[in-house]
Amino acid sequence: MNNPGRLRSGWEIYRWPLLVNMLALAGIFAALIGNGWWDGFSWLTLGLLSVGVSLTIGTRRLNVMARQHIGP
């Protein structure tokens, strides 16, 4: 991201969306196929995704507000 004019590879563009989707798929699959530790795995993966997405959206929102000099 240091050089905005640089072309990025497909891996650089899609690695985070791919990781998020793979974790979501693993969590949903675990919730559907089993009980016991599968439920814990499902809660863990889907919960981490929810927290991660919320933090990312919140951080980006604060950065935009700081650039525009808008109070919280």
Protein backbone atom coordinates (compact mmCIF):
# COMPACT_ATOMS: atom_id res chain seq x y z
CA MET A 1 0.00 0.00 0.00
CA ASN A 2 3.02 2.31 0.08
CA ASN A 3 2.93 2.87 -3.67
CA PRO A 4 -0.66 3.51 -4.82
CA GLY A 5 0.27 3.33 -8.51
CA ARG A 6 1.74 -0.17 -8.20
CA LEU A 7 -0.22 -3.08 -9.62
CA ARG A 8 -1.03 -5.69 -7.03
CA SER A 9 -1.15 -9.43 -7.65
CA GLY A 10 -4.32 -11.46 -7.24
CA TRP A 11 -2.95 -12.97 -4.03
CA GLU A 12 -2.37 -9.50 -2.53
CA ILE A 13 -5.93 -8.49 -3.37
CA TYR A 14 -7.83 -11.63 -2.42
CA ARG A 15 -5.87 -13.15 0.49
CA TRP A 16 -7.95 -11.56 3.30
CA PRO A 17 -11.36 -12.18 1.72
CA LEU A 18 -10.27 -15.76 1.02
CA LEU A 19 -9.22 -16.27 4.65
CA VAL A 20 -12.48 -14.79 5.98
CA ASN A 21 -14.57 -16.98 3.69
CA MET A 22 -12.60 -20.13 4.53
CA LEU A 23 -13.04 -19.52 8.27
CA ALA A 24 -16.75 -18.82 7.82
CA LEU A 25 -17.18 -21.98 5.76
CA ALA A 26 -15.31 -24.05 8.36
CA GLY A 27 -17.46 -22.61 11.17
CA ILE A 28 -20.74 -23.20 9.35
CA PHE A 29 -19.66 -26.70 8.32
CA ALA A 30 -18.70 -27.51 11.92
CA ALA A 31 -22.07 -26.24 13.19
CA LEU A 32 -23.93 -28.42 10.71
CA ILE A 33 -22.06 -31.71 11.06
CA GLY A 34 -21.54 -32.29 14.74
CA ASN A 35 -22.02 -31.72 18.43
CA GLY A 36 -19.61 -31.41 21.32
CA TRP A 37 -16.28 -29.88 20.34
CA TRP A 38 -17.64 -29.16 16.85
CA ASP A 39 -20.04 -26.67 18.43
CA GLY A 40 -17.16 -25.01 20.27
CA PHE A 41 -15.12 -24.82 17.07
CA SER A 42 -18.09 -23.30 15.27
CA TRP A 43 -18.66 -20.68 17.97
CA LEU A 44 -14.95 -19.85 18.02
CA THR A 45 -14.54 -19.37 14.27
CA LEU A 46 -17.77 -17.47 13.71
CA GLY A 47 -17.22 -15.36 16.84
CA LEU A 48 -13.68 -14.43 15.81
CA LEU A 49 -14.94 -13.45 12.39
CA SER A 50 -17.64 -11.25 13.90
CA VAL A 51 -15.17 -9.52 16.21
CA GLY A 52 -12.62 -9.09 13.43
CA VAL A 53 -15.09 -7.59 10.98
CA SER A 54 -16.52 -5.28 13.65
CA LEU A 55 -13.07 -4.04 14.65
CA THR A 56 -12.09 -3.50 11.02
CA ILE A 57 -15.23 -1.51 10.23
CA GLY A 58 -14.90 0.52 13.44
CA THR A 59 -11.23 1.30 12.84
CA ARG A 60 -11.83 2.37 9.25
CA ARG A 61 -14.75 4.53 10.32
CA LEU A 62 -12.62 6.28 12.94
CA ASN A 63 -9.87 6.83 10.35
CA VAL A 64 -12.34 8.43 7.93
CA MET A 65 -13.77 10.63 10.67
CA ALA A 66 -10.26 11.71 11.73
CA ARG A 67 -9.40 12.66 8.14
CA GLN A 68 -12.59 14.70 7.89
CA HIS A 69 -12.11 16.21 11.39
CA ILE A 70 -15.47 14.94 12.58
CA GLY A 71 -15.93 14.26 16.27
CA PRO A 72 -16.97 10.77 17.50
